[in-house]
Amino acid sequence: MTLDPVQFTRALVDIESITYNEGAAASYLAEFLLKRHWSVEKMPVEQHAESGSASERFNVFASVSGKTPEIVFSTHIDTVPPFIPSSEDDEFIYGRGACDAKGIIAAQLAAAERLHDLGIPAGLLFVVGEERDSAGARVANQNPRGSRFLINGEPTDNRIALASKGALRAIVRAAGKMAHSAYPELGDSATHKLVEALHRILALPLPATHDVGPSTLNIGTISGGHAPNVIADSAEAQILIRLVGPSEETRSSIEDAVEGLATVEWPLEIPFMRMRHFEGLPSMIAAFTTDIPWLSGWGEPLLLGPGSIHVAHTPHERLSKRELFEAIDLYVEVAKRLVNGG
């Protein structure tokens, strides 16, 4: 059965799988792999309590029955919102997940099947929850399958990532006292405190690494108060910092900056990662985070995939068909070199 990577990508894109609602796409994947004579296992992943979704969630692991995979290809099933159905022209596949990461699923499957023909046992691990909290990867890491290497797929323009930035999420909260806005002296504005706290945070110097670049900080959301004529009694902002090293210095400087104005909660940290160099292959530094830190039990990690991160998460997400087919060849080449010690 010859795999058509373009049509397979489109079939996956056309199944909505926004984070927490991955069940239909995961079921399709599992059934598709079974029909191609893979041994398939569903790894249940608990539904997030705050998701409001009743969708079944599970990772999909596929291997050749009776063989321990030398190398496992992995990427994620879930996408960011909104759902965008697939389309194509002569050059590109379009739609949500085209490059992040359903086209990568197609390339990895095609590469794994080609490796089997070469006598190299490969596995496939497709996980849920990468776009939020890596819940699927954390579950998978509790039950690794003995692979020596893990090739994680994200859009790197088919370049080997030498490093990927970490992520540190902060929630900054300010508290005050509600009052009529005509008498501000009777209240204590939480929003004013929050604005000052954020001003101080934005003025902080952030760590940098000479071969990777600087940490970056984004104030993603701000909320608080009740009405323009009411002194706000609460306000909060959510911040995401892209790490280029350990987080302790950044945490400490932010907490010191907002002392007396606000409190800081740290709900998520994904560490900065370095990976191996491959002689003769183009390389890059990934400014984004991946599931790799939560898949340590699956072997030495590499990060590689077709597509541009600059169109992922946008209304114009797309994947070049040429890059898709080049990725299949590249995955096979890299896997062979890893297994053969090159």
C-alpha atoms as a PDB file:
ATOM      1  CA  MET A   1       0.000   0.000   0.000  1.00  0.00           C
ATOM      2  CA  THR A   2       1.719   3.135  -1.199  1.00  0.00           C
ATOM      3  CA  LEU A   3       1.212   6.090   1.110  1.00  0.00           C
ATOM      4  CA  ASP A   4       0.172   9.402  -0.458  1.00  0.00           C
ATOM      5  CA  PRO A   5       1.645  11.900   2.048  1.00  0.00           C
ATOM      6  CA  VAL A   6      -0.248  14.859   0.584  1.00  0.00           C
ATOM      7  CA  GLN A   7      -3.677  13.243   0.799  1.00  0.00           C
ATOM      8  CA  PHE A   8      -2.900  11.744   4.191  1.00  0.00           C
ATOM      9  CA  THR A   9      -1.925  15.198   5.483  1.00  0.00           C
ATOM     10  CA  ARG A  10      -5.153  16.666   4.145  1.00  0.00           C
ATOM     11  CA  ALA A  11      -7.222  13.894   5.732  1.00  0.00           C
ATOM     12  CA  LEU A  12      -5.645  14.660   9.124  1.00  0.00           C
ATOM     13  CA  VAL A  13      -6.057  18.421   8.730  1.00  0.00           C
ATOM     14  CA  ASP A  14      -9.753  17.930   7.974  1.00  0.00           C
ATOM     15  CA  ILE A  15     -10.289  16.330  11.405  1.00  0.00           C
ATOM     16  CA  GLU A  16     -10.526  19.092  14.016  1.00  0.00           C
ATOM     17  CA  SER A  17      -8.135  18.303  16.874  1.00  0.00           C
ATOM     18  CA  ILE A  18      -7.769  21.490  18.883  1.00  0.00           C
ATOM     19  CA  THR A  19      -6.122  20.692  22.227  1.00  0.00           C
ATOM     20  CA  TYR A  20      -8.428  18.662  24.537  1.00  0.00           C
ATOM     21  CA  ASN A  21     -10.459  17.531  21.499  1.00  0.00           C
ATOM     22  CA  GLU A  22      -7.950  15.159  19.896  1.00  0.00           C
ATOM     23  CA  GLY A  23     -10.019  11.977  20.155  1.00  0.00           C
ATOM     24  CA  ALA A  24     -11.376  11.822  16.600  1.00  0.00           C
ATOM     25  CA  ALA A  25      -7.978  12.473  14.986  1.00  0.00           C
ATOM     26  CA  ALA A  26      -6.230   9.981  17.286  1.00  0.00           C
ATOM     27  CA  SER A  27      -8.840   7.319  16.466  1.00  0.00           C
ATOM     28  CA  TYR A  28      -8.403   7.939  12.746  1.00  0.00           C
ATOM     29  CA  LEU A  29      -4.627   7.615  13.120  1.00  0.00           C
ATOM     30  CA  ALA A  30      -4.869   4.392  15.094  1.00  0.00           C
ATOM     31  CA  GLU A  31      -7.239   2.804  12.553  1.00  0.00           C
ATOM     32  CA  PHE A  32      -5.135   3.993   9.611  1.00  0.00           C
ATOM     33  CA  LEU A  33      -1.977   2.487  11.104  1.00  0.00           C
ATOM     34  CA  LEU A  34      -3.704  -0.813  11.879  1.00  0.00           C
ATOM     35  CA  LYS A  35      -4.763  -1.085   8.243  1.00  0.00           C
ATOM     36  CA  ARG A  36      -1.110  -0.640   7.289  1.00  0.00           C
ATOM     37  CA  HIS A  37      -0.208  -3.609   9.525  1.00  0.00           C
ATOM     38  CA  TRP A  38       1.366  -1.690  12.390  1.00  0.00           C
ATOM     39  CA  SER A  39       1.008  -2.910  15.948  1.00  0.00           C
ATOM     40  CA  VAL A  40      -0.906  -0.044  17.565  1.00  0.00           C
ATOM     41  CA  GLU A  41      -1.381   0.930  21.197  1.00  0.00           C
ATOM     42  CA  LYS A  42      -3.559   3.676  22.639  1.00  0.00           C
ATOM     43  CA  MET A  43      -2.074   5.409  25.701  1.00  0.00           C
ATOM     44  CA  PRO A  44      -4.937   7.031  27.676  1.00  0.00           C
ATOM     45  CA  VAL A  45      -4.379  10.659  28.715  1.00  0.00           C
ATOM     46  CA  GLU A  46      -6.617  12.213  31.351  1.00  0.00           C
ATOM     47  CA  GLN A  47      -8.912  14.952  30.102  1.00  0.00           C
ATOM     48  CA  HIS A  48      -8.028  18.339  31.580  1.00  0.00           C
ATOM     49  CA  ALA A  49     -10.495  19.264  34.333  1.00  0.00           C
ATOM     50  CA  GLU A  50     -10.903  22.826  33.053  1.00  0.00           C
ATOM     51  CA  SER A  51     -11.281  21.916  29.382  1.00  0.00           C
ATOM     52  CA  GLY A  52     -15.032  21.388  29.487  1.00  0.00           C
ATOM     53  CA  SER A  53     -14.566  18.652  26.870  1.00  0.00           C
ATOM     54  CA  ALA A  54     -15.825  15.078  27.080  1.00  0.00           C
ATOM     55  CA  SER A  55     -13.591  13.989  24.199  1.00  0.00           C
ATOM     56  CA  GLU A  56     -11.554  10.817  24.700  1.00  0.00           C
ATOM     57  CA  ARG A  57      -7.830  11.565  24.790  1.00  0.00           C
ATOM     58  CA  PHE A  58      -4.996   9.186  24.058  1.00  0.00           C
ATOM     59  CA  ASN A  59      -1.539   9.023  22.486  1.00  0.00           C
ATOM     60  CA  VAL A  60      -0.950   6.624  19.610  1.00  0.00           C
ATOM     61  CA  PHE A  61       2.150   4.408  19.668  1.00  0.00           C
ATOM     62  CA  ALA A  62       2.890   2.171  16.684  1.00  0.00           C
ATOM     63  CA  SER A  63       5.648  -0.373  16.173  1.00  0.00           C
ATOM     64  CA  VAL A  64       6.470  -3.590  14.353  1.00  0.00           C
ATOM     65  CA  SER A  65       5.144  -6.479  16.406  1.00  0.00           C
ATOM     66  CA  GLY A  66       7.864  -8.251  18.351  1.00  0.00           C
ATOM     67  CA  LYS A  67      10.600  -5.701  17.569  1.00  0.00           C
ATOM     68  CA  THR A  68      12.043  -3.029  19.854  1.00  0.00           C
ATOM     69  CA  PRO A  69      12.423   0.162  17.803  1.00  0.00           C
ATOM     70  CA  GLU A  70      15.936   1.542  17.448  1.00  0.00           C
ATOM     71  CA  ILE A  71      14.487   4.944  16.718  1.00  0.00           C
ATOM     72  CA  VAL A  72      11.114   6.553  17.389  1.00  0.00           C
ATOM     73  CA  PHE A  73       9.588   9.398  15.396  1.00  0.00           C
ATOM     74  CA  SER A  74       7.302  11.613  17.438  1.00  0.00           C
ATOM     75  CA  THR A  75       5.125  14.687  17.039  1.00  0.00           C
ATOM     76  CA  HIS A  76       1.752  15.951  18.254  1.00  0.00           C
ATOM     77  CA  ILE A  77      -1.831  15.416  17.156  1.00  0.00           C
ATOM     78  CA  ASP A  78      -3.328  18.556  18.687  1.00  0.00           C
ATOM     79  CA  THR A  79      -3.513  21.992  17.083  1.00  0.00           C
ATOM     80  CA  VAL A  80      -4.174  25.540  18.179  1.00  0.00           C
ATOM     81  CA  PRO A  81      -7.560  27.117  17.388  1.00  0.00           C
ATOM     82  CA  PRO A  82      -9.332  27.950  15.187  1.00  0.00           C
ATOM     83  CA  PHE A  83     -10.051  24.948  12.990  1.00  0.00           C
ATOM     84  CA  ILE A  84      -9.195  25.616   9.319  1.00  0.00           C
ATOM     85  CA  PRO A  85     -10.061  22.845   6.806  1.00  0.00           C
ATOM     86  CA  SER A  86      -7.529  21.743   4.209  1.00  0.00           C
ATOM     87  CA  SER A  87      -6.995  22.939   0.675  1.00  0.00           C
ATOM     88  CA  GLU A  88      -4.125  22.713  -1.764  1.00  0.00           C
ATOM     89  CA  ASP A  89      -2.624  24.126  -4.920  1.00  0.00           C
ATOM     90  CA  ASP A  90       0.316  22.964  -6.990  1.00  0.00           C
ATOM     91  CA  GLU A  91       2.827  24.107  -4.375  1.00  0.00           C
ATOM     92  CA  PHE A  92       1.256  24.011  -0.905  1.00  0.00           C
ATOM     93  CA  ILE A  93      -1.102  22.198   1.462  1.00  0.00           C
ATOM     94  CA  TYR A  94      -3.111  24.689   3.541  1.00  0.00           C
ATOM     95  CA  GLY A  95      -5.087  24.402   6.774  1.00  0.00           C
ATOM     96  CA  ARG A  96      -4.713  24.203  10.536  1.00  0.00           C
ATOM     97  CA  GLY A  97      -2.026  21.675  11.332  1.00  0.00           C
ATOM     98  CA  ALA A  98      -0.634  21.532   7.800  1.00  0.00           C
ATOM     99  CA  CYS A  99       2.874  22.150   9.133  1.00  0.00           C
ATOM    100  CA  ASP A 100       2.212  22.019  12.884  1.00  0.00           C
ATOM    101  CA  ALA A 101       2.190  19.072  12.881  1.00  0.00           C
ATOM    102  CA  LYS A 102      -0.023  16.879  10.683  1.00  0.00           C
ATOM    103  CA  GLY A 103       2.194  17.078   7.615  1.00  0.00           C
ATOM    104  CA  ILE A 104       5.011  15.971   9.913  1.00  0.00           C
ATOM    105  CA  ILE A 105       2.954  12.928  10.959  1.00  0.00           C
ATOM    106  CA  ALA A 106       2.679  11.980   7.284  1.00  0.00           C
ATOM    107  CA  ALA A 107       6.409  12.433   6.668  1.00  0.00           C
ATOM    108  CA  GLN A 108       7.339  10.411   9.748  1.00  0.00           C
ATOM    109  CA  LEU A 109       5.039   7.549   8.824  1.00  0.00           C
ATOM    110  CA  ALA A 110       6.444   7.406   5.289  1.00  0.00           C
ATOM    111  CA  ALA A 111      10.018   7.492   6.623  1.00  0.00           C
ATOM    112  CA  ALA A 112       9.365   4.766   9.206  1.00  0.00           C
ATOM    113  CA  GLU A 113       7.901   2.451   6.582  1.00  0.00           C
ATOM    114  CA  ARG A 114      10.884   3.034   4.314  1.00  0.00           C
ATOM    115  CA  LEU A 115      13.240   2.256   7.201  1.00  0.00           C
ATOM    116  CA  HIS A 116      11.433  -1.028   7.810  1.00  0.00           C
ATOM    117  CA  ASP A 117      12.127  -1.953   4.207  1.00  0.00           C
ATOM    118  CA  LEU A 118      15.816  -1.306   4.975  1.00  0.00           C
ATOM    119  CA  GLY A 119      15.724  -3.563   8.040  1.00  0.00           C
ATOM    120  CA  ILE A 120      15.803  -0.739  10.609  1.00  0.00           C
ATOM    121  CA  PRO A 121      12.995  -1.056  13.193  1.00  0.00           C
ATOM    122  CA  ALA A 122      11.348   2.312  13.820  1.00  0.00           C
ATOM    123  CA  GLY A 123       8.436   3.334  15.999  1.00  0.00           C
ATOM    124  CA  LEU A 124       5.891   6.152  15.879  1.00  0.00           C
ATOM    125  CA  LEU A 125       4.661   8.133  18.881  1.00  0.00           C
ATOM    126  CA  PHE A 126       1.927  10.696  18.280  1.00  0.00           C
ATOM    127  CA  VAL A 127       0.907  12.588  21.416  1.00  0.00           C
ATOM    128  CA  VAL A 128      -1.832  14.938  22.598  1.00  0.00           C
ATOM    129  CA  GLY A 129      -1.603  18.212  24.473  1.00  0.00           C
ATOM    130  CA  GLU A 130       1.661  19.623  23.128  1.00  0.00           C
ATOM    131  CA  GLU A 131       0.150  23.035  22.440  1.00  0.00           C
ATOM    132  CA  ARG A 132      -0.858  23.483  26.094  1.00  0.00           C
ATOM    133  CA  ASP A 133       0.982  21.471  28.723  1.00  0.00           C
ATOM    134  CA  SER A 134       2.626  18.421  27.099  1.00  0.00           C
ATOM    135  CA  ALA A 135       0.206  16.135  28.935  1.00  0.00           C
ATOM    136  CA  GLY A 136       0.553  13.371  26.340  1.00  0.00           C
ATOM    137  CA  ALA A 137       4.346  13.441  26.393  1.00  0.00           C
ATOM    138  CA  ARG A 138       4.385  13.205  30.185  1.00  0.00           C
ATOM    139  CA  VAL A 139       2.168  10.111  30.036  1.00  0.00           C
ATOM    140  CA  ALA A 140       4.316   8.541  27.305  1.00  0.00           C
ATOM    141  CA  ASN A 141       7.469   9.087  29.338  1.00  0.00           C
ATOM    142  CA  GLN A 142       6.108   6.832  32.069  1.00  0.00           C
ATOM    143  CA  ASN A 143       6.298   3.883  29.662  1.00  0.00           C
ATOM    144  CA  PRO A 144       9.200   4.175  27.165  1.00  0.00           C
ATOM    145  CA  ARG A 145       9.881   1.306  24.756  1.00  0.00           C
ATOM    146  CA  GLY A 146      13.651   0.953  24.705  1.00  0.00           C
ATOM    147  CA  SER A 147      14.470   3.150  21.717  1.00  0.00           C
ATOM    148  CA  ARG A 148      17.948   4.633  21.498  1.00  0.00           C
ATOM    149  CA  PHE A 149      16.923   7.781  19.627  1.00  0.00           C
ATOM    150  CA  LEU A 150      13.904  10.081  19.389  1.00  0.00           C
ATOM    151  CA  ILE A 151      13.323  12.363  16.403  1.00  0.00           C
ATOM    152  CA  ASN A 152      10.758  14.940  17.423  1.00  0.00           C
ATOM    153  CA  GLY A 153       8.955  16.717  14.599  1.00  0.00           C
ATOM    154  CA  GLU A 154       8.260  20.454  14.596  1.00  0.00           C
ATOM    155  CA  PRO A 155       8.513  22.979  11.744  1.00  0.00           C
ATOM    156  CA  THR A 156      12.277  23.671  11.412  1.00  0.00           C
ATOM    157  CA  ASP A 157      12.397  24.162   7.619  1.00  0.00           C
ATOM    158  CA  ASN A 158      14.046  20.716   7.448  1.00  0.00           C
ATOM    159  CA  ARG A 159      17.014  21.935   9.491  1.00  0.00           C
ATOM    160  CA  ILE A 160      18.467  20.154  12.517  1.00  0.00           C
ATOM    161  CA  ALA A 161      17.829  22.174  15.685  1.00  0.00           C
ATOM    162  CA  LEU A 162      20.960  22.626  17.788  1.00  0.00           C
ATOM    163  CA  ALA A 163      18.905  23.993  20.679  1.00  0.00           C
ATOM    164  CA  SER A 164      15.348  24.874  21.590  1.00  0.00           C
ATOM    165  CA  LYS A 165      14.372  27.630  23.978  1.00  0.00           C
ATOM    166  CA  GLY A 166      12.511  26.782  27.139  1.00  0.00           C
ATOM    167  CA  ALA A 167       9.302  28.374  28.356  1.00  0.00           C
ATOM    168  CA  LEU A 168       8.409  29.917  31.700  1.00  0.00           C
ATOM    169  CA  ARG A 169       4.821  30.998  32.258  1.00  0.00           C
ATOM    170  CA  ALA A 170       3.989  33.566  34.944  1.00  0.00           C
ATOM    171  CA  ILE A 171       0.696  34.858  36.322  1.00  0.00           C
ATOM    172  CA  VAL A 172       1.100  38.262  37.949  1.00  0.00           C
ATOM    173  CA  ARG A 173      -1.771  39.194  40.277  1.00  0.00           C
ATOM    174  CA  ALA A 174      -2.523  42.459  42.028  1.00  0.00           C
ATOM    175  CA  ALA A 175      -5.135  43.014  44.732  1.00  0.00           C
ATOM    176  CA  GLY A 176      -6.829  46.257  45.774  1.00  0.00           C
ATOM    177  CA  LYS A 177      -9.967  47.741  47.286  1.00  0.00           C
ATOM    178  CA  MET A 178     -13.135  48.532  45.351  1.00  0.00           C
ATOM    179  CA  ALA A 179     -14.554  52.069  45.484  1.00  0.00           C
ATOM    180  CA  HIS A 180     -16.387  54.692  43.421  1.00  0.00           C
ATOM    181  CA  SER A 181     -13.977  56.140  40.878  1.00  0.00           C
ATOM    182  CA  ALA A 182     -14.995  59.695  41.858  1.00  0.00           C
ATOM    183  CA  TYR A 183     -13.354  59.029  45.253  1.00  0.00           C
ATOM    184  CA  PRO A 184     -10.144  57.148  44.463  1.00  0.00           C
ATOM    185  CA  GLU A 185      -8.792  57.938  47.929  1.00  0.00           C
ATOM    186  CA  LEU A 186     -11.381  55.512  49.344  1.00  0.00           C
ATOM    187  CA  GLY A 187     -10.118  52.620  47.228  1.00  0.00           C
ATOM    188  CA  ASP A 188      -6.889  50.964  46.153  1.00  0.00           C
ATOM    189  CA  SER A 189      -6.582  50.266  42.426  1.00  0.00           C
ATOM    190  CA  ALA A 190      -5.346  46.784  41.555  1.00  0.00           C
ATOM    191  CA  THR A 191      -5.054  47.735  37.892  1.00  0.00           C
ATOM    192  CA  HIS A 192      -2.772  50.672  38.704  1.00  0.00           C
ATOM    193  CA  LYS A 193      -0.559  48.335  40.724  1.00  0.00           C
ATOM    194  CA  LEU A 194      -0.515  45.802  37.921  1.00  0.00           C
ATOM    195  CA  VAL A 195       0.412  48.412  35.305  1.00  0.00           C
ATOM    196  CA  GLU A 196       3.341  49.560  37.434  1.00  0.00           C
ATOM    197  CA  ALA A 197       4.425  45.965  38.092  1.00  0.00           C
ATOM    198  CA  LEU A 198       4.384  45.174  34.358  1.00  0.00           C
ATOM    199  CA  HIS A 199       6.313  48.376  33.616  1.00  0.00           C
ATOM    200  CA  ARG A 200       9.034  47.201  36.001  1.00  0.00           C
ATOM    201  CA  ILE A 201       9.073  43.720  34.470  1.00  0.00           C
ATOM    202  CA  LEU A 202       9.457  45.101  30.939  1.00  0.00           C
ATOM    203  CA  ALA A 203      12.452  47.157  32.084  1.00  0.00           C
ATOM    204  CA  LEU A 204      14.334  44.094  33.376  1.00  0.00           C
ATOM    205  CA  PRO A 205      17.407  42.859  31.487  1.00  0.00           C
ATOM    206  CA  LEU A 206      16.902  39.222  30.506  1.00  0.00           C
ATOM    207  CA  PRO A 207      19.611  36.533  30.276  1.00  0.00           C
ATOM    208  CA  ALA A 208      21.256  35.826  26.921  1.00  0.00           C
ATOM    209  CA  THR A 209      23.452  33.006  25.601  1.00  0.00           C
ATOM    210  CA  HIS A 210      26.091  33.859  22.995  1.00  0.00           C
ATOM    211  CA  ASP A 211      25.249  31.094  20.524  1.00  0.00           C
ATOM    212  CA  VAL A 212      21.479  31.076  21.059  1.00  0.00           C
ATOM    213  CA  GLY A 213      20.503  34.680  21.694  1.00  0.00           C
ATOM    214  CA  PRO A 214      18.441  36.439  24.349  1.00  0.00           C
ATOM    215  CA  SER A 215      15.528  35.350  26.449  1.00  0.00           C
ATOM    216  CA  THR A 216      12.319  37.048  25.332  1.00  0.00           C
ATOM    217  CA  LEU A 217       9.217  38.059  27.257  1.00  0.00           C
ATOM    218  CA  ASN A 218       5.627  38.510  26.118  1.00  0.00           C
ATOM    219  CA  ILE A 219       2.743  39.911  28.162  1.00  0.00           C
ATOM    220  CA  GLY A 220       0.017  37.842  26.560  1.00  0.00           C
ATOM    221  CA  THR A 221      -3.140  38.786  28.477  1.00  0.00           C
ATOM    222  CA  ILE A 222      -4.252  41.468  30.933  1.00  0.00           C
ATOM    223  CA  SER A 223      -7.556  41.401  32.800  1.00  0.00           C
ATOM    224  CA  GLY A 224      -9.163  42.985  35.835  1.00  0.00           C
ATOM    225  CA  GLY A 225     -11.619  45.439  37.233  1.00  0.00           C
ATOM    226  CA  HIS A 226     -15.360  45.743  36.723  1.00  0.00           C
ATOM    227  CA  ALA A 227     -16.147  49.046  34.987  1.00  0.00           C
ATOM    228  CA  PRO A 228     -14.487  52.365  34.115  1.00  0.00           C
ATOM    229  CA  ASN A 229     -16.193  54.075  37.062  1.00  0.00           C
ATOM    230  CA  VAL A 230     -15.161  51.458  39.640  1.00  0.00           C
ATOM    231  CA  ILE A 231     -11.789  51.256  41.367  1.00  0.00           C
ATOM    232  CA  ALA A 232     -10.538  47.732  40.577  1.00  0.00           C
ATOM    233  CA  ASP A 233     -10.063  45.317  43.449  1.00  0.00           C
ATOM    234  CA  SER A 234      -8.251  42.666  41.364  1.00  0.00           C
ATOM    235  CA  ALA A 235      -6.208  42.409  38.184  1.00  0.00           C
ATOM    236  CA  GLU A 236      -3.878  39.905  36.576  1.00  0.00           C
ATOM    237  CA  ALA A 237      -1.571  39.425  33.602  1.00  0.00           C
ATOM    238  CA  GLN A 238      -0.213  36.256  32.013  1.00  0.00           C
ATOM    239  CA  ILE A 239       3.363  36.320  30.777  1.00  0.00           C
ATOM    240  CA  LEU A 240       5.466  33.864  28.774  1.00  0.00           C
ATOM    241  CA  ILE A 241       9.261  34.002  28.889  1.00  0.00           C
ATOM    242  CA  ARG A 242      11.369  32.067  26.365  1.00  0.00           C
ATOM    243  CA  LEU A 243      14.352  30.722  28.282  1.00  0.00           C
ATOM    244  CA  VAL A 244      17.952  30.312  27.063  1.00  0.00           C
ATOM    245  CA  GLY A 245      19.217  28.740  30.261  1.00  0.00           C
ATOM    246  CA  PRO A 246      18.150  28.015  33.849  1.00  0.00           C
ATOM    247  CA  SER A 247      15.118  29.934  35.096  1.00  0.00           C
ATOM    248  CA  GLU A 248      16.191  30.827  38.632  1.00  0.00           C
ATOM    249  CA  GLU A 249      17.694  34.234  37.789  1.00  0.00           C
ATOM    250  CA  THR A 250      14.639  35.268  35.772  1.00  0.00           C
ATOM    251  CA  ARG A 251      12.188  34.129  38.437  1.00  0.00           C
ATOM    252  CA  SER A 252      14.054  35.984  41.164  1.00  0.00           C
ATOM    253  CA  SER A 253      14.369  39.251  39.229  1.00  0.00           C
ATOM    254  CA  ILE A 254      10.641  39.306  38.387  1.00  0.00           C
ATOM    255  CA  GLU A 255       9.589  38.546  41.957  1.00  0.00           C
ATOM    256  CA  ASP A 256      11.890  41.299  43.269  1.00  0.00           C
ATOM    257  CA  ALA A 257      10.582  43.782  40.681  1.00  0.00           C
ATOM    258  CA  VAL A 258       6.916  43.395  41.659  1.00  0.00           C
ATOM    259  CA  GLU A 259       7.397  43.131  45.414  1.00  0.00           C
ATOM    260  CA  GLY A 260       4.852  45.289  47.207  1.00  0.00           C
ATOM    261  CA  LEU A 261       2.677  45.572  44.094  1.00  0.00           C
ATOM    262  CA  ALA A 262       1.744  42.062  43.047  1.00  0.00           C
ATOM    263  CA  THR A 263       2.342  38.356  43.539  1.00  0.00           C
ATOM    264  CA  VAL A 264       3.707  35.893  40.969  1.00  0.00           C
ATOM    265  CA  GLU A 265       2.616  32.312  40.284  1.00  0.00           C
ATOM    266  CA  TRP A 266       4.669  29.994  38.044  1.00  0.00           C
ATOM    267  CA  PRO A 267       2.263  27.409  36.545  1.00  0.00           C
ATOM    268  CA  LEU A 268       4.557  26.020  33.831  1.00  0.00           C
ATOM    269  CA  GLU A 269       8.233  25.616  33.055  1.00  0.00           C
ATOM    270  CA  ILE A 270       9.742  23.809  30.068  1.00  0.00           C
ATOM    271  CA  PRO A 271      13.555  23.769  30.242  1.00  0.00           C
ATOM    272  CA  PHE A 272      15.991  25.013  27.618  1.00  0.00           C
ATOM    273  CA  MET A 273      17.491  22.136  25.603  1.00  0.00           C
ATOM    274  CA  ARG A 274      20.673  21.592  23.596  1.00  0.00           C
ATOM    275  CA  MET A 275      20.964  18.849  20.975  1.00  0.00           C
ATOM    276  CA  ARG A 276      23.639  17.292  18.793  1.00  0.00           C
ATOM    277  CA  HIS A 277      25.147  18.748  15.629  1.00  0.00           C
ATOM    278  CA  PHE A 278      24.930  16.760  12.392  1.00  0.00           C
ATOM    279  CA  GLU A 279      27.851  17.222  10.032  1.00  0.00           C
ATOM    280  CA  GLY A 280      26.775  18.282   6.546  1.00  0.00           C
ATOM    281  CA  LEU A 281      23.169  19.144   7.414  1.00  0.00           C
ATOM    282  CA  PRO A 282      21.770  22.675   7.795  1.00  0.00           C
ATOM    283  CA  SER A 283      21.021  23.696  11.365  1.00  0.00           C
ATOM    284  CA  MET A 284      18.970  26.246  13.308  1.00  0.00           C
ATOM    285  CA  ILE A 285      18.089  27.425  16.804  1.00  0.00           C
ATOM    286  CA  ALA A 286      14.442  26.870  17.732  1.00  0.00           C
ATOM    287  CA  ALA A 287      13.022  29.885  19.571  1.00  0.00           C
ATOM    288  CA  PHE A 288       9.985  27.769  20.454  1.00  0.00           C
ATOM    289  CA  THR A 289       9.487  24.927  22.932  1.00  0.00           C
ATOM    290  CA  THR A 290       8.674  21.275  22.235  1.00  0.00           C
ATOM    291  CA  ASP A 291       7.725  18.021  23.958  1.00  0.00           C
ATOM    292  CA  ILE A 292      11.365  16.906  23.999  1.00  0.00           C
ATOM    293  CA  PRO A 293      12.050  17.726  27.688  1.00  0.00           C
ATOM    294  CA  TRP A 294       9.177  15.407  28.692  1.00  0.00           C
ATOM    295  CA  LEU A 295      10.293  12.479  26.506  1.00  0.00           C
ATOM    296  CA  SER A 296      13.710  11.844  28.052  1.00  0.00           C
ATOM    297  CA  GLY A 297      13.012   8.115  28.430  1.00  0.00           C
ATOM    298  CA  TRP A 298      12.668   7.615  24.675  1.00  0.00           C
ATOM    299  CA  GLY A 299      16.328   8.075  23.764  1.00  0.00           C
ATOM    300  CA  GLU A 300      18.671  10.832  22.664  1.00  0.00           C
ATOM    301  CA  PRO A 301      16.518  13.594  21.148  1.00  0.00           C
ATOM    302  CA  LEU A 302      16.725  15.415  17.842  1.00  0.00           C
ATOM    303  CA  LEU A 303      14.398  18.113  16.527  1.00  0.00           C
ATOM    304  CA  LEU A 304      13.639  18.202  12.803  1.00  0.00           C
ATOM    305  CA  GLY A 305      10.661  18.750  10.527  1.00  0.00           C
ATOM    306  CA  PRO A 306       9.313  20.346   7.357  1.00  0.00           C
ATOM    307  CA  GLY A 307       7.519  23.683   7.288  1.00  0.00           C
ATOM    308  CA  SER A 308       8.052  27.143   8.699  1.00  0.00           C
ATOM    309  CA  ILE A 309       7.232  28.028  12.295  1.00  0.00           C
ATOM    310  CA  HIS A 310       6.467  31.539  11.036  1.00  0.00           C
ATOM    311  CA  VAL A 311       3.205  30.392   9.414  1.00  0.00           C
ATOM    312  CA  ALA A 312       2.223  27.964  12.177  1.00  0.00           C
ATOM    313  CA  HIS A 313      -0.513  29.321  14.478  1.00  0.00           C
ATOM    314  CA  THR A 314      -1.570  31.814  11.772  1.00  0.00           C
ATOM    315  CA  PRO A 315      -4.585  32.000   9.410  1.00  0.00           C
ATOM    316  CA  HIS A 316      -2.171  31.256   6.560  1.00  0.00           C
ATOM    317  CA  GLU A 317      -0.664  27.989   7.841  1.00  0.00           C
ATOM    318  CA  ARG A 318       0.704  25.934   4.968  1.00  0.00           C
ATOM    319  CA  LEU A 319       3.281  23.282   4.077  1.00  0.00           C
ATOM    320  CA  SER A 320       5.268  23.079   0.866  1.00  0.00           C
ATOM    321  CA  LYS A 321       4.738  19.756  -0.882  1.00  0.00           C
ATOM    322  CA  ARG A 322       8.381  19.809  -1.931  1.00  0.00           C
ATOM    323  CA  GLU A 323       9.460  20.187   1.718  1.00  0.00           C
ATOM    324  CA  LEU A 324       7.136  17.372   2.748  1.00  0.00           C
ATOM    325  CA  PHE A 325       8.801  14.902   0.387  1.00  0.00           C
ATOM    326  CA  GLU A 326      12.276  16.210   1.209  1.00  0.00           C
ATOM    327  CA  ALA A 327      11.516  15.605   4.897  1.00  0.00           C
ATOM    328  CA  ILE A 328      10.814  11.921   4.245  1.00  0.00           C
ATOM    329  CA  ASP A 329      14.249  11.498   2.648  1.00  0.00           C
ATOM    330  CA  LEU A 330      15.885  13.528   5.408  1.00  0.00           C
ATOM    331  CA  TYR A 331      14.259  11.533   8.210  1.00  0.00           C
ATOM    332  CA  VAL A 332      15.497   8.315   6.602  1.00  0.00           C
ATOM    333  CA  GLU A 333      19.023   9.677   6.160  1.00  0.00           C
ATOM    334  CA  VAL A 334      19.259  10.953   9.738  1.00  0.00           C
ATOM    335  CA  ALA A 335      17.831   7.715  11.169  1.00  0.00           C
ATOM    336  CA  LYS A 336      20.322   5.600   9.237  1.00  0.00           C
ATOM    337  CA  ARG A 337      23.231   7.752  10.429  1.00  0.00           C
ATOM    338  CA  LEU A 338      22.075   7.565  14.034  1.00  0.00           C
ATOM    339  CA  VAL A 339      21.577   3.815  14.044  1.00  0.00           C
ATOM    340  CA  ASN A 340      24.875   3.199  12.249  1.00  0.00           C
ATOM    341  CA  GLY A 341      26.796   5.486  14.603  1.00  0.00           C
ATOM    342  CA  GLY A 342      27.431   8.242  12.061  1.00  0.00           C
END
